[in-house]
Amino acid sequence: MTSPRTRSVFGDAADDPVTQPVTFAGPASPPALLIHGAIDGTVYPRNSENLAAALRRAGAPVRLQIYADRGHVDIMLGLSSALDGDGRLMKDLRTFLDLP
């Protein structure tokens, strides 16, 4: 949370635990699908790995999907079926949501 770009998003709260989803992992957490790109240099995959581990420890259902060939923007763009390329991300999302 020390990069200028991160500071521009979180400001003075950059070191505050409330900016970290892992802070809120608990037994009442809903089922979670964590999607991350292995080559994400904005938010490192370890953040999703740590969140998945915290959710599992709390007994919350979680699925962690890391795409070896995608970065931060690729994941965001992949949330549009028109920009998902090979369709893997949308397929995984639809499966998690139990949609046809």
PDB file of N, CA and C in Angstrom:
ATOM      1  N   MET A   1       0.824  -1.198   0.000  1.00  0.00           N
ATOM      2  CA  MET A   1       0.000   0.000   0.000  1.00  0.00           C
ATOM      3  C   MET A   1       0.866   1.259   0.000  1.00  0.00           C
ATOM      4  N   THR A   2       2.031   1.158  -0.580  1.00  0.00           N
ATOM      5  CA  THR A   2       2.930   2.306  -0.565  1.00  0.00           C
ATOM      6  C   THR A   2       3.101   2.957  -1.931  1.00  0.00           C
ATOM      7  N   SER A   3       2.588   2.340  -2.985  1.00  0.00           N
ATOM      8  CA  SER A   3       2.775   2.933  -4.311  1.00  0.00           C
ATOM      9  C   SER A   3       1.908   4.182  -4.453  1.00  0.00           C
ATOM     10  N   PRO A   4       2.337   5.129  -5.272  1.00  0.00           N
ATOM     11  CA  PRO A   4       1.536   6.339  -5.484  1.00  0.00           C
ATOM     12  C   PRO A   4       0.124   6.020  -5.999  1.00  0.00           C
ATOM     13  N   ARG A   5       0.023   5.019  -6.857  1.00  0.00           N
ATOM     14  CA  ARG A   5      -1.293   4.670  -7.396  1.00  0.00           C
ATOM     15  C   ARG A   5      -2.217   4.142  -6.286  1.00  0.00           C
ATOM     16  N   THR A   6      -1.674   3.293  -5.417  1.00  0.00           N
ATOM     17  CA  THR A   6      -2.468   2.773  -4.308  1.00  0.00           C
ATOM     18  C   THR A   6      -2.862   3.896  -3.361  1.00  0.00           C
ATOM     19  N   ARG A   7      -1.925   4.767  -3.071  1.00  0.00           N
ATOM     20  CA  ARG A   7      -2.215   5.903  -2.188  1.00  0.00           C
ATOM     21  C   ARG A   7      -3.289   6.803  -2.785  1.00  0.00           C
ATOM     22  N   SER A   8      -3.320   6.923  -4.113  1.00  0.00           N
ATOM     23  CA  SER A   8      -4.345   7.773  -4.735  1.00  0.00           C
ATOM     24  C   SER A   8      -5.738   7.168  -4.577  1.00  0.00           C
ATOM     25  N   VAL A   9      -5.814   5.852  -4.425  1.00  0.00           N
ATOM     26  CA  VAL A   9      -7.112   5.185  -4.235  1.00  0.00           C
ATOM     27  C   VAL A   9      -7.507   5.200  -2.762  1.00  0.00           C
ATOM     28  N   PHE A  10      -6.566   4.826  -1.879  1.00  0.00           N
ATOM     29  CA  PHE A  10      -6.898   4.645  -0.464  1.00  0.00           C
ATOM     30  C   PHE A  10      -6.517   5.817   0.426  1.00  0.00           C
ATOM     31  N   GLY A  11      -5.681   6.732  -0.064  1.00  0.00           N
ATOM     32  CA  GLY A  11      -5.306   7.911   0.719  1.00  0.00           C
ATOM     33  C   GLY A  11      -4.721   7.565   2.068  1.00  0.00           C
ATOM     34  N   ASP A  12      -5.176   8.272   3.093  1.00  0.00           N
ATOM     35  CA  ASP A  12      -4.664   8.072   4.444  1.00  0.00           C
ATOM     36  C   ASP A  12      -5.076   6.737   5.036  1.00  0.00           C
ATOM     37  N   ALA A  13      -6.065   6.082   4.435  1.00  0.00           N
ATOM     38  CA  ALA A  13      -6.533   4.798   4.947  1.00  0.00           C
ATOM     39  C   ALA A  13      -5.690   3.637   4.446  1.00  0.00           C
ATOM     40  N   ALA A  14      -4.635   3.918   3.682  1.00  0.00           N
ATOM     41  CA  ALA A  14      -3.866   2.870   3.022  1.00  0.00           C
ATOM     42  C   ALA A  14      -3.325   1.807   3.977  1.00  0.00           C
ATOM     43  N   ASP A  15      -3.045   2.154   5.210  1.00  0.00           N
ATOM     44  CA  ASP A  15      -2.527   1.168   6.156  1.00  0.00           C
ATOM     45  C   ASP A  15      -3.601   0.669   7.117  1.00  0.00           C
ATOM     46  N   ASP A  16      -4.815   1.075   6.903  1.00  0.00           N
ATOM     47  CA  ASP A  16      -5.926   0.706   7.776  1.00  0.00           C
ATOM     48  C   ASP A  16      -6.426  -0.691   7.423  1.00  0.00           C
ATOM     49  N   PRO A  17      -6.571  -1.565   8.408  1.00  0.00           N
ATOM     50  CA  PRO A  17      -7.060  -2.923   8.133  1.00  0.00           C
ATOM     51  C   PRO A  17      -8.434  -2.971   7.455  1.00  0.00           C
ATOM     52  N   VAL A  18      -9.228  -1.924   7.569  1.00  0.00           N
ATOM     53  CA  VAL A  18     -10.549  -1.955   6.928  1.00  0.00           C
ATOM     54  C   VAL A  18     -10.450  -1.916   5.406  1.00  0.00           C
ATOM     55  N   THR A  19      -9.263  -1.640   4.870  1.00  0.00           N
ATOM     56  CA  THR A  19      -9.097  -1.672   3.417  1.00  0.00           C
ATOM     57  C   THR A  19      -8.803  -3.079   2.916  1.00  0.00           C
ATOM     58  N   GLN A  20      -8.640  -4.026   3.818  1.00  0.00           N
ATOM     59  CA  GLN A  20      -8.262  -5.384   3.459  1.00  0.00           C
ATOM     60  C   GLN A  20      -9.429  -6.355   3.667  1.00  0.00           C
ATOM     61  N   PRO A  21      -9.912  -6.986   2.599  1.00  0.00           N
ATOM     62  CA  PRO A  21     -11.024  -7.929   2.740  1.00  0.00           C
ATOM     63  C   PRO A  21     -10.759  -9.042   3.747  1.00  0.00           C
ATOM     64  N   VAL A  22      -9.503  -9.462   3.893  1.00  0.00           N
ATOM     65  CA  VAL A  22      -9.183 -10.541   4.827  1.00  0.00           C
ATOM     66  C   VAL A  22      -9.596 -10.190   6.253  1.00  0.00           C
ATOM     67  N   THR A  23      -9.670  -8.904   6.567  1.00  0.00           N
ATOM     68  CA  THR A  23     -10.097  -8.447   7.892  1.00  0.00           C
ATOM     69  C   THR A  23     -11.502  -8.926   8.218  1.00  0.00           C
ATOM     70  N   PHE A  24     -12.317  -9.121   7.194  1.00  0.00           N
ATOM     71  CA  PHE A  24     -13.727  -9.426   7.399  1.00  0.00           C
ATOM     72  C   PHE A  24     -14.073 -10.905   7.183  1.00  0.00           C
ATOM     73  N   ALA A  25     -13.069 -11.739   6.967  1.00  0.00           N
ATOM     74  CA  ALA A  25     -13.316 -13.174   6.787  1.00  0.00           C
ATOM     75  C   ALA A  25     -13.786 -13.761   8.109  1.00  0.00           C
ATOM     76  N   GLY A  26     -14.929 -14.423   8.070  1.00  0.00           N
ATOM     77  CA  GLY A  26     -15.460 -15.020   9.282  1.00  0.00           C
ATOM     78  C   GLY A  26     -16.492 -16.082   8.960  1.00  0.00           C
ATOM     79  N   PRO A  27     -17.012 -16.734   9.979  1.00  0.00           N
ATOM     80  CA  PRO A  27     -17.963 -17.824   9.759  1.00  0.00           C
ATOM     81  C   PRO A  27     -19.248 -17.383   9.061  1.00  0.00           C
ATOM     82  N   ALA A  28     -19.589 -16.117   9.123  1.00  0.00           N
ATOM     83  CA  ALA A  28     -20.807 -15.630   8.468  1.00  0.00           C
ATOM     84  C   ALA A  28     -20.545 -15.177   7.029  1.00  0.00           C
ATOM     85  N   SER A  29     -19.315 -15.348   6.564  1.00  0.00           N
ATOM     86  CA  SER A  29     -18.988 -14.930   5.194  1.00  0.00           C
ATOM     87  C   SER A  29     -19.768 -15.776   4.188  1.00  0.00           C
ATOM     88  N   PRO A  30     -20.264 -15.140   3.141  1.00  0.00           N
ATOM     89  CA  PRO A  30     -21.002 -15.898   2.118  1.00  0.00           C
ATOM     90  C   PRO A  30     -20.031 -16.717   1.266  1.00  0.00           C
ATOM     91  N   PRO A  31     -20.542 -17.660   0.498  1.00  0.00           N
ATOM     92  CA  PRO A  31     -19.679 -18.388  -0.436  1.00  0.00           C
ATOM     93  C   PRO A  31     -18.936 -17.390  -1.329  1.00  0.00           C
ATOM     94  N   ALA A  32     -17.670 -17.674  -1.576  1.00  0.00           N
ATOM     95  CA  ALA A  32     -16.851 -16.729  -2.324  1.00  0.00           C
ATOM     96  C   ALA A  32     -16.148 -17.414  -3.485  1.00  0.00           C
ATOM     97  N   LEU A  33     -16.124 -16.725  -4.612  1.00  0.00           N
ATOM     98  CA  LEU A  33     -15.298 -17.099  -5.746  1.00  0.00           C
ATOM     99  C   LEU A  33     -14.251 -16.003  -5.878  1.00  0.00           C
ATOM    100  N   LEU A  34     -13.014 -16.353  -5.657  1.00  0.00           N
ATOM    101  CA  LEU A  34     -11.912 -15.394  -5.768  1.00  0.00           C
ATOM    102  C   LEU A  34     -11.205 -15.660  -7.088  1.00  0.00           C
ATOM    103  N   ILE A  35     -11.204 -14.678  -7.957  1.00  0.00           N
ATOM    104  CA  ILE A  35     -10.614 -14.784  -9.280  1.00  0.00           C
ATOM    105  C   ILE A  35      -9.401 -13.866  -9.328  1.00  0.00           C
ATOM    106  N   HIS A  36      -8.269 -14.422  -9.753  1.00  0.00           N
ATOM    107  CA  HIS A  36      -7.054 -13.617  -9.751  1.00  0.00           C
ATOM    108  C   HIS A  36      -6.172 -14.020 -10.920  1.00  0.00           C
ATOM    109  N   GLY A  37      -5.431 -13.074 -11.446  1.00  0.00           N
ATOM    110  CA  GLY A  37      -4.450 -13.344 -12.489  1.00  0.00           C
ATOM    111  C   GLY A  37      -3.082 -13.561 -11.877  1.00  0.00           C
ATOM    112  N   ALA A  38      -2.404 -14.620 -12.298  1.00  0.00           N
ATOM    113  CA  ALA A  38      -1.080 -14.937 -11.752  1.00  0.00           C
ATOM    114  C   ALA A  38      -0.049 -13.870 -12.077  1.00  0.00           C
ATOM    115  N   ILE A  39      -0.279 -13.129 -13.177  1.00  0.00           N
ATOM    116  CA  ILE A  39       0.694 -12.098 -13.545  1.00  0.00           C
ATOM    117  C   ILE A  39       0.200 -10.695 -13.184  1.00  0.00           C
ATOM    118  N   ASP A  40      -0.655 -10.634 -12.176  1.00  0.00           N
ATOM    119  CA  ASP A  40      -1.180  -9.360 -11.681  1.00  0.00           C
ATOM    120  C   ASP A  40      -0.088  -8.663 -10.882  1.00  0.00           C
ATOM    121  N   GLY A  41       0.348  -7.511 -11.357  1.00  0.00           N
ATOM    122  CA  GLY A  41       1.354  -6.726 -10.648  1.00  0.00           C
ATOM    123  C   GLY A  41       0.759  -5.577  -9.862  1.00  0.00           C
ATOM    124  N   THR A  42      -0.576  -5.455  -9.894  1.00  0.00           N
ATOM    125  CA  THR A  42      -1.263  -4.401  -9.145  1.00  0.00           C
ATOM    126  C   THR A  42      -1.670  -4.922  -7.768  1.00  0.00           C
ATOM    127  N   VAL A  43      -2.351  -6.042  -7.759  1.00  0.00           N
ATOM    128  CA  VAL A  43      -2.725  -6.730  -6.522  1.00  0.00           C
ATOM    129  C   VAL A  43      -2.156  -8.136  -6.657  1.00  0.00           C
ATOM    130  N   TYR A  44      -1.187  -8.461  -5.845  1.00  0.00           N
ATOM    131  CA  TYR A  44      -0.499  -9.734  -5.999  1.00  0.00           C
ATOM    132  C   TYR A  44      -1.396 -10.915  -5.640  1.00  0.00           C
ATOM    133  N   PRO A  45      -1.225 -12.035  -6.342  1.00  0.00           N
ATOM    134  CA  PRO A  45      -2.053 -13.214  -6.083  1.00  0.00           C
ATOM    135  C   PRO A  45      -2.046 -13.663  -4.623  1.00  0.00           C
ATOM    136  N   ARG A  46      -0.975 -13.397  -3.910  1.00  0.00           N
ATOM    137  CA  ARG A  46      -0.925 -13.812  -2.501  1.00  0.00           C
ATOM    138  C   ARG A  46      -2.062 -13.194  -1.684  1.00  0.00           C
ATOM    139  N   ASN A  47      -2.575 -12.042  -2.126  1.00  0.00           N
ATOM    140  CA  ASN A  47      -3.688 -11.428  -1.408  1.00  0.00           C
ATOM    141  C   ASN A  47      -4.931 -12.312  -1.491  1.00  0.00           C
ATOM    142  N   SER A  48      -5.218 -12.835  -2.667  1.00  0.00           N
ATOM    143  CA  SER A  48      -6.365 -13.740  -2.812  1.00  0.00           C
ATOM    144  C   SER A  48      -6.096 -15.072  -2.128  1.00  0.00           C
ATOM    145  N   GLU A  49      -4.859 -15.541  -2.193  1.00  0.00           N
ATOM    146  CA  GLU A  49      -4.504 -16.784  -1.512  1.00  0.00           C
ATOM    147  C   GLU A  49      -4.686 -16.648  -0.003  1.00  0.00           C
ATOM    148  N   ASN A  50      -4.260 -15.518   0.557  1.00  0.00           N
ATOM    149  CA  ASN A  50      -4.429 -15.280   1.992  1.00  0.00           C
ATOM    150  C   ASN A  50      -5.896 -15.160   2.367  1.00  0.00           C
ATOM    151  N   LEU A  51      -6.683 -14.489   1.529  1.00  0.00           N
ATOM    152  CA  LEU A  51      -8.111 -14.365   1.802  1.00  0.00           C
ATOM    153  C   LEU A  51      -8.782 -15.731   1.738  1.00  0.00           C
ATOM    154  N   ALA A  52      -8.440 -16.526   0.736  1.00  0.00           N
ATOM    155  CA  ALA A  52      -9.019 -17.871   0.627  1.00  0.00           C
ATOM    156  C   ALA A  52      -8.689 -18.696   1.868  1.00  0.00           C
ATOM    157  N   ALA A  53      -7.452 -18.624   2.325  1.00  0.00           N
ATOM    158  CA  ALA A  53      -7.043 -19.377   3.513  1.00  0.00           C
ATOM    159  C   ALA A  53      -7.810 -18.908   4.748  1.00  0.00           C
ATOM    160  N   ALA A  54      -7.986 -17.606   4.897  1.00  0.00           N
ATOM    161  CA  ALA A  54      -8.720 -17.068   6.046  1.00  0.00           C
ATOM    162  C   ALA A  54     -10.181 -17.498   6.007  1.00  0.00           C
ATOM    163  N   LEU A  55     -10.776 -17.476   4.828  1.00  0.00           N
ATOM    164  CA  LEU A  55     -12.166 -17.922   4.694  1.00  0.00           C
ATOM    165  C   LEU A  55     -12.298 -19.406   5.017  1.00  0.00           C
ATOM    166  N   ARG A  56     -11.359 -20.205   4.544  1.00  0.00           N
ATOM    167  CA  ARG A  56     -11.392 -21.650   4.844  1.00  0.00           C
ATOM    168  C   ARG A  56     -11.252 -21.895   6.338  1.00  0.00           C
ATOM    169  N   ARG A  57     -10.328 -21.187   6.980  1.00  0.00           N
ATOM    170  CA  ARG A  57     -10.157 -21.337   8.441  1.00  0.00           C
ATOM    171  C   ARG A  57     -11.435 -20.984   9.184  1.00  0.00           C
ATOM    172  N   ALA A  58     -12.179 -20.017   8.646  1.00  0.00           N
ATOM    173  CA  ALA A  58     -13.426 -19.578   9.285  1.00  0.00           C
ATOM    174  C   ALA A  58     -14.588 -20.516   8.945  1.00  0.00           C
ATOM    175  N   GLY A  59     -14.356 -21.467   8.054  1.00  0.00           N
ATOM    176  CA  GLY A  59     -15.408 -22.405   7.676  1.00  0.00           C
ATOM    177  C   GLY A  59     -16.306 -21.903   6.559  1.00  0.00           C
ATOM    178  N   ALA A  60     -15.908 -20.832   5.901  1.00  0.00           N
ATOM    179  CA  ALA A  60     -16.713 -20.282   4.806  1.00  0.00           C
ATOM    180  C   ALA A  60     -16.345 -21.000   3.508  1.00  0.00           C
ATOM    181  N   PRO A  61     -17.345 -21.288   2.662  1.00  0.00           N
ATOM    182  CA  PRO A  61     -17.046 -21.918   1.378  1.00  0.00           C
ATOM    183  C   PRO A  61     -16.338 -20.937   0.444  1.00  0.00           C
ATOM    184  N   VAL A  62     -15.245 -21.386  -0.145  1.00  0.00           N
ATOM    185  CA  VAL A  62     -14.474 -20.504  -1.016  1.00  0.00           C
ATOM    186  C   VAL A  62     -13.845 -21.318  -2.144  1.00  0.00           C
ATOM    187  N   ARG A  63     -13.809 -20.717  -3.309  1.00  0.00           N
ATOM    188  CA  ARG A  63     -13.100 -21.283  -4.453  1.00  0.00           C
ATOM    189  C   ARG A  63     -12.140 -20.215  -4.951  1.00  0.00           C
ATOM    190  N   LEU A  64     -10.874 -20.570  -5.063  1.00  0.00           N
ATOM    191  CA  LEU A  64      -9.846 -19.668  -5.575  1.00  0.00           C
ATOM    192  C   LEU A  64      -9.463 -20.127  -6.968  1.00  0.00           C
ATOM    193  N   GLN A  65      -9.628 -19.246  -7.935  1.00  0.00           N
ATOM    194  CA  GLN A  65      -9.269 -19.543  -9.327  1.00  0.00           C
ATOM    195  C   GLN A  65      -8.206 -18.550  -9.767  1.00  0.00           C
ATOM    196  N   ILE A  66      -7.013 -19.057 -10.019  1.00  0.00           N
ATOM    197  CA  ILE A  66      -5.919 -18.204 -10.492  1.00  0.00           C
ATOM    198  C   ILE A  66      -5.639 -18.569 -11.945  1.00  0.00           C
ATOM    199  N   TYR A  67      -5.694 -17.568 -12.808  1.00  0.00           N
ATOM    200  CA  TYR A  67      -5.453 -17.735 -14.238  1.00  0.00           C
ATOM    201  C   TYR A  67      -3.999 -17.396 -14.529  1.00  0.00           C
ATOM    202  N   ALA A  68      -3.249 -18.390 -14.987  1.00  0.00           N
ATOM    203  CA  ALA A  68      -1.809 -18.255 -15.178  1.00  0.00           C
ATOM    204  C   ALA A  68      -1.428 -17.152 -16.158  1.00  0.00           C
ATOM    205  N   ASP A  69      -2.278 -16.893 -17.134  1.00  0.00           N
ATOM    206  CA  ASP A  69      -1.916 -15.988 -18.229  1.00  0.00           C
ATOM    207  C   ASP A  69      -2.619 -14.641 -18.167  1.00  0.00           C
ATOM    208  N   ARG A  70      -3.115 -14.253 -17.006  1.00  0.00           N
ATOM    209  CA  ARG A  70      -3.860 -12.990 -16.921  1.00  0.00           C
ATOM    210  C   ARG A  70      -3.317 -12.087 -15.822  1.00  0.00           C
ATOM    211  N   GLY A  71      -3.485 -10.775 -16.059  1.00  0.00           N
ATOM    212  CA  GLY A  71      -3.110  -9.772 -15.085  1.00  0.00           C
ATOM    213  C   GLY A  71      -4.350  -9.095 -14.523  1.00  0.00           C
ATOM    214  N   HIS A  72      -4.151  -7.992 -13.847  1.00  0.00           N
ATOM    215  CA  HIS A  72      -5.228  -7.279 -13.165  1.00  0.00           C
ATOM    216  C   HIS A  72      -6.308  -6.810 -14.142  1.00  0.00           C
ATOM    217  N   VAL A  73      -5.897  -6.110 -15.174  1.00  0.00           N
ATOM    218  CA  VAL A  73      -6.857  -5.575 -16.142  1.00  0.00           C
ATOM    219  C   VAL A  73      -7.525  -6.699 -16.921  1.00  0.00           C
ATOM    220  N   ASP A  74      -6.774  -7.759 -17.227  1.00  0.00           N
ATOM    221  CA  ASP A  74      -7.349  -8.895 -17.949  1.00  0.00           C
ATOM    222  C   ASP A  74      -8.533  -9.491 -17.185  1.00  0.00           C
ATOM    223  N   ILE A  75      -8.397  -9.590 -15.883  1.00  0.00           N
ATOM    224  CA  ILE A  75      -9.489 -10.133 -15.064  1.00  0.00           C
ATOM    225  C   ILE A  75     -10.686  -9.199 -15.107  1.00  0.00           C
ATOM    226  N   MET A  76     -10.441  -7.921 -14.976  1.00  0.00           N
ATOM    227  CA  MET A  76     -11.545  -6.959 -15.020  1.00  0.00           C
ATOM    228  C   MET A  76     -12.253  -7.005 -16.378  1.00  0.00           C
ATOM    229  N   LEU A  77     -11.493  -7.023 -17.460  1.00  0.00           N
ATOM    230  CA  LEU A  77     -12.084  -7.080 -18.796  1.00  0.00           C
ATOM    231  C   LEU A  77     -12.807  -8.402 -19.014  1.00  0.00           C
ATOM    232  N   GLY A  78     -12.294  -9.466 -18.432  1.00  0.00           N
ATOM    233  CA  GLY A  78     -12.897 -10.784 -18.590  1.00  0.00           C
ATOM    234  C   GLY A  78     -14.273 -10.906 -17.982  1.00  0.00           C
ATOM    235  N   LEU A  79     -14.651  -9.959 -17.148  1.00  0.00           N
ATOM    236  CA  LEU A  79     -15.998  -9.972 -16.572  1.00  0.00           C
ATOM    237  C   LEU A  79     -17.050  -9.581 -17.603  1.00  0.00           C
ATOM    238  N   SER A  80     -16.601  -9.190 -18.768  1.00  0.00           N
ATOM    239  CA  SER A  80     -17.486  -8.949 -19.904  1.00  0.00           C
ATOM    240  C   SER A  80     -17.321 -10.130 -20.850  1.00  0.00           C
ATOM    241  N   SER A  81     -18.415 -10.823 -21.136  1.00  0.00           N
ATOM    242  CA  SER A  81     -18.300 -11.994 -22.011  1.00  0.00           C
ATOM    243  C   SER A  81     -17.712 -11.618 -23.365  1.00  0.00           C
ATOM    244  N   ALA A  82     -17.903 -10.389 -23.803  1.00  0.00           N
ATOM    245  CA  ALA A  82     -17.362  -9.958 -25.092  1.00  0.00           C
ATOM    246  C   ALA A  82     -15.847  -9.805 -25.050  1.00  0.00           C
ATOM    247  N   LEU A  83     -15.264  -9.643 -23.855  1.00  0.00           N
ATOM    248  CA  LEU A  83     -13.831  -9.404 -23.725  1.00  0.00           C
ATOM    249  C   LEU A  83     -13.092 -10.535 -23.017  1.00  0.00           C
ATOM    250  N   ASP A  84     -13.773 -11.662 -22.813  1.00  0.00           N
ATOM    251  CA  ASP A  84     -13.185 -12.766 -22.054  1.00  0.00           C
ATOM    252  C   ASP A  84     -12.265 -13.645 -22.886  1.00  0.00           C
ATOM    253  N   GLY A  85     -12.129 -13.379 -24.154  1.00  0.00           N
ATOM    254  CA  GLY A  85     -11.212 -14.169 -24.985  1.00  0.00           C
ATOM    255  C   GLY A  85     -11.653 -15.609 -25.102  1.00  0.00           C
ATOM    256  N   ASP A  86     -11.027 -16.488 -24.329  1.00  0.00           N
ATOM    257  CA  ASP A  86     -11.308 -17.920 -24.434  1.00  0.00           C
ATOM    258  C   ASP A  86     -12.533 -18.362 -23.634  1.00  0.00           C
ATOM    259  N   GLY A  87     -13.158 -17.461 -22.903  1.00  0.00           N
ATOM    260  CA  GLY A  87     -14.390 -17.772 -22.182  1.00  0.00           C
ATOM    261  C   GLY A  87     -14.216 -18.473 -20.848  1.00  0.00           C
ATOM    262  N   ARG A  88     -12.979 -18.724 -20.423  1.00  0.00           N
ATOM    263  CA  ARG A  88     -12.767 -19.445 -19.159  1.00  0.00           C
ATOM    264  C   ARG A  88     -13.325 -18.710 -17.957  1.00  0.00           C
ATOM    265  N   LEU A  89     -13.062 -17.419 -17.871  1.00  0.00           N
ATOM    266  CA  LEU A  89     -13.496 -16.662 -16.705  1.00  0.00           C
ATOM    267  C   LEU A  89     -15.020 -16.660 -16.590  1.00  0.00           C
ATOM    268  N   MET A  90     -15.705 -16.392 -17.682  1.00  0.00           N
ATOM    269  CA  MET A  90     -17.168 -16.373 -17.641  1.00  0.00           C
ATOM    270  C   MET A  90     -17.726 -17.763 -17.344  1.00  0.00           C
ATOM    271  N   LYS A  91     -17.088 -18.794 -17.864  1.00  0.00           N
ATOM    272  CA  LYS A  91     -17.531 -20.166 -17.577  1.00  0.00           C
ATOM    273  C   LYS A  91     -17.403 -20.447 -16.085  1.00  0.00           C
ATOM    274  N   ASP A  92     -16.260 -20.092 -15.500  1.00  0.00           N
ATOM    275  CA  ASP A  92     -16.060 -20.308 -14.067  1.00  0.00           C
ATOM    276  C   ASP A  92     -17.047 -19.502 -13.237  1.00  0.00           C
ATOM    277  N   LEU A  93     -17.307 -18.282 -13.648  1.00  0.00           N
ATOM    278  CA  LEU A  93     -18.271 -17.436 -12.936  1.00  0.00           C
ATOM    279  C   LEU A  93     -19.679 -18.013 -13.019  1.00  0.00           C
ATOM    280  N   ARG A  94     -20.087 -18.441 -14.189  1.00  0.00           N
ATOM    281  CA  ARG A  94     -21.421 -19.015 -14.373  1.00  0.00           C
ATOM    282  C   ARG A  94     -21.566 -20.312 -13.573  1.00  0.00           C
ATOM    283  N   THR A  95     -20.516 -21.112 -13.546  1.00  0.00           N
ATOM    284  CA  THR A  95     -20.538 -22.353 -12.751  1.00  0.00           C
ATOM    285  C   THR A  95     -20.706 -22.037 -11.273  1.00  0.00           C
ATOM    286  N   PHE A  96     -19.946 -21.072 -10.791  1.00  0.00           N
ATOM    287  CA  PHE A  96     -20.042 -20.693  -9.371  1.00  0.00           C
ATOM    288  C   PHE A  96     -21.439 -20.199  -9.035  1.00  0.00           C
ATOM    289  N   LEU A  97     -22.034 -19.423  -9.939  1.00  0.00           N
ATOM    290  CA  LEU A  97     -23.372 -18.871  -9.705  1.00  0.00           C
ATOM    291  C   LEU A  97     -24.466 -19.870 -10.042  1.00  0.00           C
ATOM    292  N   ASP A  98     -24.080 -21.056 -10.537  1.00  0.00           N
ATOM    293  CA  ASP A  98     -25.012 -22.100 -10.919  1.00  0.00           C
ATOM    294  C   ASP A  98     -25.968 -21.631 -11.989  1.00  0.00           C
ATOM    295  N   LEU A  99     -25.391 -20.987 -13.015  1.00  0.00           N
ATOM    296  CA  LEU A  99     -26.170 -20.497 -14.142  1.00  0.00           C
ATOM    297  C   LEU A  99     -25.889 -21.367 -15.367  1.00  0.00           C
ATOM    298  N   PRO A 100     -26.869 -21.532 -16.235  1.00  0.00           N
ATOM    299  CA  PRO A 100     -26.644 -22.334 -17.449  1.00  0.00           C
ATOM    300  C   PRO A 100     -25.692 -21.630 -18.413  1.00  0.00           C
TER     301      PRO A 100
END
